[in-house]
Amino acid sequence: MALAALSVFAVLNAAYFLQSPATQAAPADLLAVLGGDGGDRGLTAANLYASGMAPHLLLTGMEESPPRVRRALLHWRVQVLADEGVPLKQIEFDVESNNSMEEALNTRRLMEARGWHRVLVVSDPSHMRRLSWTWRRAFEGSGLAYSLVASSPADWKPDIWWRDEKSGAAVIMECIKIAYYLAKY
């Protein structure tokens, strides 16, 4: 009976478990806006930039597109940032990354090359648990710091994720991705 109750509790709170590594933003050198964005990550980054949280932004590529068209696909994200007041000269691009681990490693390389020490990583709430594990491994021993900042998508419903198609899909996909990342890395 206790195991059944614990299982129900775990399932009902899975979305909260996934989003829990997110933290409040603190001043940094860079905002890394991870790929796969539907717009919420860009808006969150623009707000963080406007509030003085970091002077530079990094947009990572669209993982599912061919490398030669990634810069073009980043255009709409740049337009959102520009419309929100982010100067184009403050935006950097990562068109090489194909997954979250590569985003973290490529961000580390950029930070080391520029002498930057802290990055705010912006992604969706459901990704925070996997990103916490991924970025910790990628930044291990570097002396660099990161903080995970969750965007605020209107369709993220952690309290009823199992009854909402988009939230349910996000939770299930993240559980699969976590298992994959644990096996691969």
N, C-alpha and C. Protein backbone atom coordinates (compact mmCIF):
# COMPACT_ATOMS: atom_id res chain seq x y z
N MET A 1 0.82 -1.19 0.00
CA MET A 1 0.00 0.00 0.00
C MET A 1 0.87 1.26 0.00
N ALA A 2 1.91 1.28 0.81
CA ALA A 2 2.79 2.45 0.87
C ALA A 2 3.51 2.65 -0.46
N LEU A 3 3.91 1.56 -1.09
CA LEU A 3 4.58 1.67 -2.38
C LEU A 3 3.64 2.23 -3.44
N ALA A 4 2.39 1.82 -3.41
CA ALA A 4 1.41 2.34 -4.36
C ALA A 4 1.19 3.83 -4.13
N ALA A 5 1.09 4.24 -2.88
CA ALA A 5 0.89 5.66 -2.56
C ALA A 5 2.11 6.49 -2.99
N LEU A 6 3.29 5.94 -2.76
CA LEU A 6 4.52 6.63 -3.17
C LEU A 6 4.59 6.75 -4.69
N SER A 7 4.18 5.71 -5.39
CA SER A 7 4.18 5.73 -6.86
C SER A 7 3.21 6.79 -7.39
N VAL A 8 2.03 6.86 -6.81
CA VAL A 8 1.05 7.87 -7.23
C VAL A 8 1.60 9.27 -6.96
N PHE A 9 2.19 9.45 -5.79
CA PHE A 9 2.78 10.76 -5.46
C PHE A 9 3.87 11.14 -6.46
N ALA A 10 4.72 10.18 -6.80
CA ALA A 10 5.80 10.46 -7.75
C ALA A 10 5.26 10.84 -9.12
N VAL A 11 4.27 10.12 -9.60
CA VAL A 11 3.69 10.43 -10.91
C VAL A 11 3.02 11.81 -10.89
N LEU A 12 2.24 12.09 -9.88
CA LEU A 12 1.54 13.37 -9.81
C LEU A 12 2.49 14.56 -9.72
N ASN A 13 3.67 14.33 -9.16
CA ASN A 13 4.64 15.42 -8.97
C ASN A 13 5.81 15.37 -9.94
N ALA A 14 5.71 14.57 -10.98
CA ALA A 14 6.81 14.43 -11.94
C ALA A 14 7.19 15.75 -12.58
N ALA A 15 6.22 16.56 -12.94
CA ALA A 15 6.52 17.85 -13.59
C ALA A 15 7.26 18.78 -12.63
N TYR A 16 6.86 18.77 -11.37
CA TYR A 16 7.57 19.60 -10.38
C TYR A 16 9.01 19.11 -10.18
N PHE A 17 9.19 17.80 -10.20
CA PHE A 17 10.54 17.24 -10.11
C PHE A 17 11.40 17.70 -11.28
N LEU A 18 10.83 17.69 -12.49
CA LEU A 18 11.58 18.09 -13.67
C LEU A 18 11.97 19.56 -13.62
N GLN A 19 11.09 20.42 -13.16
CA GLN A 19 11.36 21.86 -13.19
C GLN A 19 12.12 22.36 -11.97
N SER A 20 12.25 21.57 -10.94
CA SER A 20 12.80 22.05 -9.66
C SER A 20 14.24 22.56 -9.69
N PRO A 21 15.12 22.14 -10.61
CA PRO A 21 16.47 22.73 -10.59
C PRO A 21 16.53 24.19 -11.06
N ALA A 22 15.46 24.72 -11.60
CA ALA A 22 15.46 26.12 -12.04
C ALA A 22 15.69 27.03 -10.84
N THR A 23 16.41 28.12 -11.08
CA THR A 23 16.72 29.07 -10.01
C THR A 23 16.32 30.48 -10.45
N GLN A 24 16.39 31.39 -9.52
CA GLN A 24 16.18 32.79 -9.84
C GLN A 24 17.43 33.30 -10.57
N ALA A 25 17.21 34.21 -11.48
CA ALA A 25 18.34 34.77 -12.23
C ALA A 25 19.20 35.64 -11.33
N ALA A 26 20.50 35.56 -11.56
CA ALA A 26 21.49 36.40 -10.88
C ALA A 26 22.41 36.96 -11.96
N PRO A 27 23.05 38.08 -11.72
CA PRO A 27 23.91 38.67 -12.75
C PRO A 27 24.93 37.68 -13.29
N ALA A 28 25.14 37.76 -14.61
CA ALA A 28 26.04 36.85 -15.30
C ALA A 28 26.70 37.60 -16.46
N ASP A 29 27.61 36.90 -17.13
CA ASP A 29 28.27 37.46 -18.31
C ASP A 29 27.49 37.17 -19.59
N LEU A 30 26.68 36.11 -19.56
CA LEU A 30 26.06 35.61 -20.78
C LEU A 30 24.69 35.00 -20.47
N LEU A 31 23.77 35.18 -21.40
CA LEU A 31 22.49 34.48 -21.40
C LEU A 31 22.53 33.47 -22.54
N ALA A 32 22.42 32.20 -22.26
CA ALA A 32 22.39 31.17 -23.30
C ALA A 32 20.94 30.75 -23.49
N VAL A 33 20.39 31.05 -24.65
CA VAL A 33 19.00 30.73 -24.98
C VAL A 33 19.04 29.46 -25.82
N LEU A 34 18.64 28.34 -25.22
CA LEU A 34 18.82 27.05 -25.87
C LEU A 34 17.87 26.85 -27.04
N GLY A 35 18.31 26.02 -27.99
CA GLY A 35 17.56 25.75 -29.21
C GLY A 35 16.26 25.02 -28.95
N GLY A 36 15.44 24.97 -29.99
CA GLY A 36 14.14 24.33 -29.88
C GLY A 36 13.08 25.25 -29.33
N ASP A 37 13.35 26.52 -29.32
CA ASP A 37 12.48 27.52 -28.71
C ASP A 37 11.24 27.78 -29.55
N GLY A 38 10.10 27.87 -28.89
CA GLY A 38 8.87 28.29 -29.55
C GLY A 38 8.60 29.76 -29.37
N GLY A 39 9.48 30.47 -28.68
CA GLY A 39 9.33 31.90 -28.45
C GLY A 39 9.44 32.30 -27.00
N ASP A 40 9.00 31.43 -26.10
CA ASP A 40 9.01 31.77 -24.67
C ASP A 40 10.43 31.96 -24.13
N ARG A 41 11.38 31.19 -24.60
CA ARG A 41 12.77 31.32 -24.13
C ARG A 41 13.34 32.67 -24.55
N GLY A 42 13.07 33.07 -25.77
CA GLY A 42 13.54 34.36 -26.25
C GLY A 42 12.96 35.51 -25.47
N LEU A 43 11.67 35.44 -25.18
CA LEU A 43 11.03 36.51 -24.39
C LEU A 43 11.60 36.56 -22.97
N THR A 44 11.83 35.40 -22.39
CA THR A 44 12.43 35.35 -21.06
C THR A 44 13.83 35.96 -21.09
N ALA A 45 14.62 35.60 -22.09
CA ALA A 45 15.98 36.14 -22.22
C ALA A 45 15.94 37.65 -22.43
N ALA A 46 15.03 38.13 -23.25
CA ALA A 46 14.91 39.57 -23.49
C ALA A 46 14.59 40.31 -22.19
N ASN A 47 13.71 39.75 -21.38
CA ASN A 47 13.38 40.36 -20.08
C ASN A 47 14.59 40.36 -19.15
N LEU A 48 15.34 39.27 -19.15
CA LEU A 48 16.54 39.19 -18.32
C LEU A 48 17.58 40.21 -18.80
N TYR A 49 17.72 40.34 -20.10
CA TYR A 49 18.66 41.32 -20.65
C TYR A 49 18.23 42.74 -20.25
N ALA A 50 16.95 43.03 -20.42
CA ALA A 50 16.44 44.37 -20.09
C ALA A 50 16.63 44.70 -18.62
N SER A 51 16.60 43.68 -17.76
CA SER A 51 16.78 43.93 -16.33
C SER A 51 18.26 43.94 -15.92
N GLY A 52 19.15 43.85 -16.90
CA GLY A 52 20.58 43.96 -16.64
C GLY A 52 21.24 42.70 -16.12
N MET A 53 20.64 41.55 -16.36
CA MET A 53 21.20 40.30 -15.83
C MET A 53 22.44 39.84 -16.57
N ALA A 54 22.60 40.19 -17.86
CA ALA A 54 23.79 39.81 -18.63
C ALA A 54 23.90 40.71 -19.85
N PRO A 55 25.13 41.05 -20.24
CA PRO A 55 25.30 41.94 -21.38
C PRO A 55 25.35 41.24 -22.75
N HIS A 56 25.47 39.91 -22.75
CA HIS A 56 25.60 39.17 -24.00
C HIS A 56 24.59 38.03 -24.03
N LEU A 57 24.12 37.69 -25.24
CA LEU A 57 23.21 36.56 -25.44
C LEU A 57 23.82 35.59 -26.43
N LEU A 58 23.56 34.32 -26.21
CA LEU A 58 23.96 33.26 -27.13
C LEU A 58 22.71 32.50 -27.54
N LEU A 59 22.44 32.46 -28.84
CA LEU A 59 21.34 31.64 -29.35
C LEU A 59 21.95 30.36 -29.90
N THR A 60 21.45 29.24 -29.43
CA THR A 60 21.94 27.97 -29.95
C THR A 60 21.03 27.53 -31.08
N GLY A 61 21.55 26.65 -31.94
CA GLY A 61 20.86 26.25 -33.17
C GLY A 61 19.62 25.42 -32.96
N MET A 62 18.94 25.21 -34.04
CA MET A 62 17.75 24.36 -34.07
C MET A 62 18.24 22.95 -34.35
N GLU A 63 18.19 22.10 -33.36
CA GLU A 63 18.81 20.79 -33.43
C GLU A 63 18.34 19.92 -34.59
N GLU A 64 17.11 20.10 -35.02
CA GLU A 64 16.56 19.19 -36.02
C GLU A 64 16.71 19.70 -37.44
N SER A 65 17.47 20.74 -37.64
CA SER A 65 17.64 21.29 -38.98
C SER A 65 19.05 20.99 -39.49
N PRO A 66 19.20 20.94 -40.81
CA PRO A 66 20.54 20.75 -41.37
C PRO A 66 21.44 21.91 -40.97
N PRO A 67 22.70 21.65 -40.68
CA PRO A 67 23.61 22.72 -40.22
C PRO A 67 23.65 23.93 -41.13
N ARG A 68 23.54 23.76 -42.43
CA ARG A 68 23.68 24.91 -43.33
C ARG A 68 22.48 25.85 -43.30
N VAL A 69 21.36 25.43 -42.71
CA VAL A 69 20.20 26.33 -42.64
C VAL A 69 19.91 26.82 -41.23
N ARG A 70 20.71 26.42 -40.26
CA ARG A 70 20.44 26.79 -38.87
C ARG A 70 20.47 28.29 -38.64
N ARG A 71 21.40 29.00 -39.24
CA ARG A 71 21.47 30.45 -39.05
C ARG A 71 20.19 31.10 -39.55
N ALA A 72 19.66 30.62 -40.67
CA ALA A 72 18.40 31.18 -41.20
C ALA A 72 17.26 30.92 -40.23
N LEU A 73 17.23 29.74 -39.63
CA LEU A 73 16.17 29.43 -38.69
C LEU A 73 16.30 30.23 -37.39
N LEU A 74 17.51 30.66 -37.10
CA LEU A 74 17.70 31.50 -35.91
C LEU A 74 17.16 32.91 -36.13
N HIS A 75 16.93 33.28 -37.39
CA HIS A 75 16.52 34.65 -37.71
C HIS A 75 15.28 35.10 -36.94
N TRP A 76 14.25 34.27 -36.88
CA TRP A 76 13.03 34.70 -36.19
C TRP A 76 13.28 34.91 -34.71
N ARG A 77 14.20 34.14 -34.12
CA ARG A 77 14.53 34.32 -32.71
C ARG A 77 15.28 35.64 -32.51
N VAL A 78 16.15 35.97 -33.44
CA VAL A 78 16.86 37.24 -33.38
C VAL A 78 15.86 38.38 -33.50
N GLN A 79 14.89 38.22 -34.38
CA GLN A 79 13.88 39.27 -34.57
C GLN A 79 13.08 39.49 -33.28
N VAL A 80 12.72 38.43 -32.58
CA VAL A 80 12.00 38.56 -31.30
C VAL A 80 12.86 39.34 -30.31
N LEU A 81 14.13 38.98 -30.21
CA LEU A 81 15.02 39.67 -29.29
C LEU A 81 15.17 41.14 -29.67
N ALA A 82 15.37 41.42 -30.96
CA ALA A 82 15.51 42.80 -31.42
C ALA A 82 14.24 43.60 -31.15
N ASP A 83 13.10 42.99 -31.41
CA ASP A 83 11.82 43.67 -31.14
C ASP A 83 11.65 43.99 -29.66
N GLU A 84 12.31 43.20 -28.81
CA GLU A 84 12.22 43.41 -27.36
C GLU A 84 13.33 44.33 -26.85
N GLY A 85 14.14 44.86 -27.76
CA GLY A 85 15.15 45.84 -27.36
C GLY A 85 16.56 45.34 -27.19
N VAL A 86 16.84 44.10 -27.55
CA VAL A 86 18.20 43.57 -27.44
C VAL A 86 18.98 44.01 -28.68
N PRO A 87 20.10 44.73 -28.52
CA PRO A 87 20.90 45.13 -29.68
C PRO A 87 21.51 43.91 -30.38
N LEU A 88 21.45 43.92 -31.70
CA LEU A 88 21.97 42.79 -32.47
C LEU A 88 23.44 42.51 -32.19
N LYS A 89 24.21 43.55 -31.89
CA LYS A 89 25.64 43.35 -31.65
C LYS A 89 25.91 42.58 -30.35
N GLN A 90 24.91 42.40 -29.52
CA GLN A 90 25.08 41.67 -28.26
C GLN A 90 24.75 40.18 -28.40
N ILE A 91 24.33 39.76 -29.60
CA ILE A 91 23.87 38.39 -29.81
C ILE A 91 24.95 37.56 -30.52
N GLU A 92 25.28 36.42 -29.93
CA GLU A 92 26.22 35.44 -30.50
C GLU A 92 25.39 34.24 -30.98
N PHE A 93 26.01 33.40 -31.82
CA PHE A 93 25.29 32.25 -32.37
C PHE A 93 26.11 30.97 -32.20
N ASP A 94 25.41 29.90 -31.86
CA ASP A 94 25.98 28.55 -31.86
C ASP A 94 25.15 27.76 -32.87
N VAL A 95 25.70 27.56 -34.05
CA VAL A 95 24.99 26.80 -35.08
C VAL A 95 25.53 25.38 -35.20
N GLU A 96 26.43 25.01 -34.29
CA GLU A 96 27.06 23.69 -34.34
C GLU A 96 26.37 22.64 -33.46
N SER A 97 25.74 23.06 -32.38
CA SER A 97 25.20 22.10 -31.41
C SER A 97 24.02 21.31 -31.98
N ASN A 98 24.04 20.02 -31.68
CA ASN A 98 22.96 19.12 -32.09
C ASN A 98 22.13 18.62 -30.93
N ASN A 99 22.57 18.86 -29.70
CA ASN A 99 21.82 18.39 -28.53
C ASN A 99 22.23 19.22 -27.31
N SER A 100 21.62 18.95 -26.19
CA SER A 100 21.86 19.74 -24.98
C SER A 100 23.29 19.63 -24.47
N MET A 101 23.90 18.47 -24.57
CA MET A 101 25.28 18.33 -24.12
C MET A 101 26.21 19.17 -24.99
N GLU A 102 26.00 19.16 -26.29
CA GLU A 102 26.82 19.98 -27.17
C GLU A 102 26.60 21.47 -26.91
N GLU A 103 25.37 21.87 -26.60
CA GLU A 103 25.10 23.27 -26.25
C GLU A 103 25.93 23.66 -25.03
N ALA A 104 25.95 22.80 -24.03
CA ALA A 104 26.70 23.10 -22.81
C ALA A 104 28.20 23.16 -23.09
N LEU A 105 28.73 22.19 -23.82
CA LEU A 105 30.16 22.16 -24.11
C LEU A 105 30.58 23.34 -24.99
N ASN A 106 29.77 23.67 -25.99
CA ASN A 106 30.10 24.80 -26.86
C ASN A 106 29.99 26.12 -26.11
N THR A 107 29.06 26.23 -25.20
CA THR A 107 28.95 27.44 -24.38
C THR A 107 30.18 27.56 -23.49
N ARG A 108 30.60 26.44 -22.91
CA ARG A 108 31.82 26.46 -22.08
C ARG A 108 33.01 26.97 -22.88
N ARG A 109 33.19 26.45 -24.10
CA ARG A 109 34.30 26.88 -24.95
C ARG A 109 34.23 28.38 -25.25
N LEU A 110 33.05 28.88 -25.56
CA LEU A 110 32.88 30.30 -25.83
C LEU A 110 33.24 31.12 -24.60
N MET A 111 32.77 30.71 -23.44
CA MET A 111 33.04 31.43 -22.20
C MET A 111 34.54 31.44 -21.90
N GLU A 112 35.20 30.32 -22.08
CA GLU A 112 36.64 30.26 -21.84
C GLU A 112 37.39 31.18 -22.80
N ALA A 113 36.96 31.19 -24.05
CA ALA A 113 37.62 32.03 -25.06
C ALA A 113 37.43 33.52 -24.77
N ARG A 114 36.28 33.89 -24.21
CA ARG A 114 35.98 35.30 -23.96
C ARG A 114 36.33 35.75 -22.54
N GLY A 115 36.71 34.83 -21.69
CA GLY A 115 37.02 35.18 -20.30
C GLY A 115 35.78 35.43 -19.47
N TRP A 116 34.67 34.86 -19.88
CA TRP A 116 33.42 35.00 -19.12
C TRP A 116 33.36 33.91 -18.06
N HIS A 117 32.68 34.20 -16.96
CA HIS A 117 32.68 33.28 -15.81
C HIS A 117 31.32 32.68 -15.46
N ARG A 118 30.24 33.37 -15.81
CA ARG A 118 28.91 32.91 -15.39
C ARG A 118 27.92 33.04 -16.54
N VAL A 119 27.05 32.03 -16.68
CA VAL A 119 26.03 32.02 -17.72
C VAL A 119 24.67 31.70 -17.11
N LEU A 120 23.66 32.36 -17.60
CA LEU A 120 22.27 32.02 -17.29
C LEU A 120 21.75 31.20 -18.46
N VAL A 121 21.31 30.00 -18.20
CA VAL A 121 20.84 29.08 -19.23
C VAL A 121 19.32 29.11 -19.24
N VAL A 122 18.74 29.56 -20.35
CA VAL A 122 17.30 29.72 -20.46
C VAL A 122 16.71 28.59 -21.30
N SER A 123 15.77 27.87 -20.71
CA SER A 123 15.07 26.81 -21.42
C SER A 123 13.69 26.63 -20.78
N ASP A 124 12.96 25.65 -21.25
CA ASP A 124 11.61 25.41 -20.74
C ASP A 124 11.68 24.69 -19.39
N PRO A 125 10.64 24.85 -18.57
CA PRO A 125 10.65 24.25 -17.23
C PRO A 125 10.85 22.73 -17.23
N SER A 126 10.27 22.05 -18.19
CA SER A 126 10.37 20.59 -18.20
C SER A 126 11.79 20.10 -18.46
N HIS A 127 12.67 20.95 -18.97
CA HIS A 127 14.04 20.54 -19.30
C HIS A 127 15.03 20.71 -18.14
N MET A 128 14.63 21.36 -17.09
CA MET A 128 15.56 21.77 -16.05
C MET A 128 16.31 20.61 -15.38
N ARG A 129 15.66 19.53 -15.11
CA ARG A 129 16.32 18.38 -14.44
C ARG A 129 17.44 17.83 -15.33
N ARG A 130 17.15 17.59 -16.60
CA ARG A 130 18.15 17.05 -17.52
C ARG A 130 19.27 18.06 -17.75
N LEU A 131 18.91 19.32 -17.88
CA LEU A 131 19.94 20.35 -18.09
C LEU A 131 20.84 20.48 -16.87
N SER A 132 20.29 20.34 -15.69
CA SER A 132 21.09 20.40 -14.48
C SER A 132 22.19 19.34 -14.51
N TRP A 133 21.82 18.15 -14.86
CA TRP A 133 22.78 17.05 -14.94
C TRP A 133 23.78 17.30 -16.07
N THR A 134 23.28 17.72 -17.23
CA THR A 134 24.11 17.92 -18.41
C THR A 134 25.14 19.03 -18.20
N TRP A 135 24.67 20.20 -17.73
CA TRP A 135 25.57 21.35 -17.57
C TRP A 135 26.57 21.11 -16.44
N ARG A 136 26.17 20.41 -15.40
CA ARG A 136 27.11 20.08 -14.32
C ARG A 136 28.26 19.25 -14.88
N ARG A 137 27.94 18.26 -15.69
CA ARG A 137 28.99 17.43 -16.29
C ARG A 137 29.86 18.23 -17.25
N ALA A 138 29.26 19.06 -18.08
CA ALA A 138 30.01 19.83 -19.08
C ALA A 138 30.92 20.88 -18.44
N PHE A 139 30.51 21.45 -17.32
CA PHE A 139 31.27 22.52 -16.67
C PHE A 139 32.19 22.02 -15.57
N GLU A 140 32.15 20.73 -15.28
CA GLU A 140 32.95 20.14 -14.21
C GLU A 140 34.43 20.48 -14.38
N GLY A 141 35.03 21.01 -13.33
CA GLY A 141 36.44 21.32 -13.32
C GLY A 141 36.84 22.58 -14.07
N SER A 142 35.89 23.32 -14.61
CA SER A 142 36.20 24.48 -15.43
C SER A 142 36.34 25.77 -14.62
N GLY A 143 35.77 25.80 -13.42
CA GLY A 143 35.75 27.03 -12.65
C GLY A 143 34.66 27.98 -13.11
N LEU A 144 33.91 27.59 -14.14
CA LEU A 144 32.81 28.41 -14.65
C LEU A 144 31.52 28.04 -13.93
N ALA A 145 30.58 28.98 -13.92
CA ALA A 145 29.31 28.75 -13.22
C ALA A 145 28.14 28.94 -14.18
N TYR A 146 27.06 28.25 -13.90
CA TYR A 146 25.83 28.39 -14.67
C TYR A 146 24.65 28.40 -13.70
N SER A 147 23.58 29.01 -14.13
CA SER A 147 22.31 28.94 -13.42
C SER A 147 21.24 28.65 -14.45
N LEU A 148 20.31 27.79 -14.09
CA LEU A 148 19.21 27.44 -14.99
C LEU A 148 18.02 28.34 -14.70
N VAL A 149 17.51 28.96 -15.75
CA VAL A 149 16.35 29.86 -15.63
C VAL A 149 15.25 29.33 -16.53
N ALA A 150 14.10 29.05 -15.97
CA ALA A 150 12.99 28.51 -16.74
C ALA A 150 12.19 29.61 -17.41
N SER A 151 11.81 29.36 -18.65
CA SER A 151 10.88 30.24 -19.34
C SER A 151 9.49 30.01 -18.73
N SER A 152 8.52 30.73 -19.23
CA SER A 152 7.16 30.63 -18.68
C SER A 152 6.14 30.34 -19.77
N PRO A 153 6.22 29.18 -20.39
CA PRO A 153 5.24 28.88 -21.44
C PRO A 153 3.83 28.77 -20.87
N ALA A 154 2.88 29.36 -21.57
CA ALA A 154 1.49 29.36 -21.11
C ALA A 154 0.91 27.95 -21.05
N ASP A 155 1.44 27.04 -21.86
CA ASP A 155 0.88 25.69 -21.91
C ASP A 155 1.55 24.71 -20.94
N TRP A 156 2.42 25.18 -20.05
CA TRP A 156 3.06 24.31 -19.06
C TRP A 156 2.18 24.29 -17.81
N LYS A 157 1.65 23.11 -17.48
CA LYS A 157 0.74 22.95 -16.36
C LYS A 157 1.24 21.82 -15.44
N PRO A 158 2.22 22.14 -14.59
CA PRO A 158 2.83 21.08 -13.77
C PRO A 158 1.87 20.45 -12.76
N ASP A 159 0.85 21.18 -12.35
CA ASP A 159 -0.09 20.64 -11.35
C ASP A 159 -1.06 19.63 -11.95
N ILE A 160 -1.29 19.67 -13.25
CA ILE A 160 -2.21 18.73 -13.90
C ILE A 160 -1.60 18.17 -15.19
N TRP A 161 -0.31 17.96 -15.20
CA TRP A 161 0.38 17.58 -16.43
C TRP A 161 -0.21 16.34 -17.07
N TRP A 162 -0.69 15.39 -16.31
CA TRP A 162 -1.22 14.13 -16.82
C TRP A 162 -2.57 14.31 -17.51
N ARG A 163 -3.22 15.47 -17.33
CA ARG A 163 -4.50 15.74 -17.98
C ARG A 163 -4.37 16.73 -19.14
N ASP A 164 -3.18 17.24 -19.37
CA ASP A 164 -2.96 18.23 -20.41
C ASP A 164 -2.04 17.63 -21.48
N GLU A 165 -2.47 17.66 -22.73
CA GLU A 165 -1.72 17.00 -23.80
C GLU A 165 -0.30 17.53 -23.95
N LYS A 166 -0.12 18.84 -23.98
CA LYS A 166 1.22 19.40 -24.18
C LYS A 166 2.11 19.18 -22.96
N SER A 167 1.59 19.41 -21.78
CA SER A 167 2.40 19.18 -20.57
C SER A 167 2.71 17.70 -20.42
N GLY A 168 1.73 16.85 -20.70
CA GLY A 168 1.94 15.41 -20.61
C GLY A 168 3.02 14.94 -21.57
N ALA A 169 2.96 15.43 -22.80
CA ALA A 169 3.99 15.06 -23.78
C ALA A 169 5.36 15.55 -23.33
N ALA A 170 5.42 16.76 -22.77
CA ALA A 170 6.71 17.30 -22.31
C ALA A 170 7.28 16.46 -21.18
N VAL A 171 6.47 16.07 -20.23
CA VAL A 171 6.95 15.25 -19.10
C VAL A 171 7.43 13.89 -19.59
N ILE A 172 6.64 13.25 -20.41
CA ILE A 172 7.01 11.92 -20.90
C ILE A 172 8.29 11.99 -21.74
N MET A 173 8.37 12.97 -22.64
CA MET A 173 9.58 13.10 -23.47
C MET A 173 10.82 13.38 -22.62
N GLU A 174 10.66 14.20 -21.60
CA GLU A 174 11.82 14.48 -20.73
C GLU A 174 12.26 13.24 -19.97
N CYS A 175 11.33 12.44 -19.53
CA CYS A 175 11.72 11.20 -18.83
C CYS A 175 12.50 10.30 -19.78
N ILE A 176 12.08 10.23 -21.04
CA ILE A 176 12.80 9.44 -22.04
C ILE A 176 14.18 10.04 -22.29
N LYS A 177 14.26 11.37 -22.43
CA LYS A 177 15.53 12.03 -22.68
C LYS A 177 16.49 11.86 -21.50
N ILE A 178 15.98 11.92 -20.30
CA ILE A 178 16.83 11.73 -19.12
C ILE A 178 17.43 10.32 -19.14
N ALA A 179 16.62 9.34 -19.43
CA ALA A 179 17.12 7.96 -19.51
C ALA A 179 18.18 7.84 -20.60
N TYR A 180 17.94 8.45 -21.74
CA TYR A 180 18.91 8.43 -22.83
C TYR A 180 20.22 9.11 -22.42
N TYR A 181 20.13 10.29 -21.81
CA TYR A 181 21.34 11.01 -21.41
C TYR A 181 22.11 10.25 -20.35
N LEU A 182 21.42 9.62 -19.43
CA LEU A 182 22.10 8.83 -18.40
C LEU A 182 22.84 7.64 -19.03
N ALA A 183 22.24 7.05 -20.04
CA ALA A 183 22.88 5.91 -20.71
C ALA A 183 24.03 6.36 -21.62
N LYS A 184 23.87 7.49 -22.30
CA LYS A 184 24.87 7.92 -23.28
C LYS A 184 26.05 8.65 -22.64
N TYR A 185 25.79 9.51 -21.67
CA TYR A 185 26.85 10.33 -21.09
C TYR A 185 27.16 9.87 -19.68
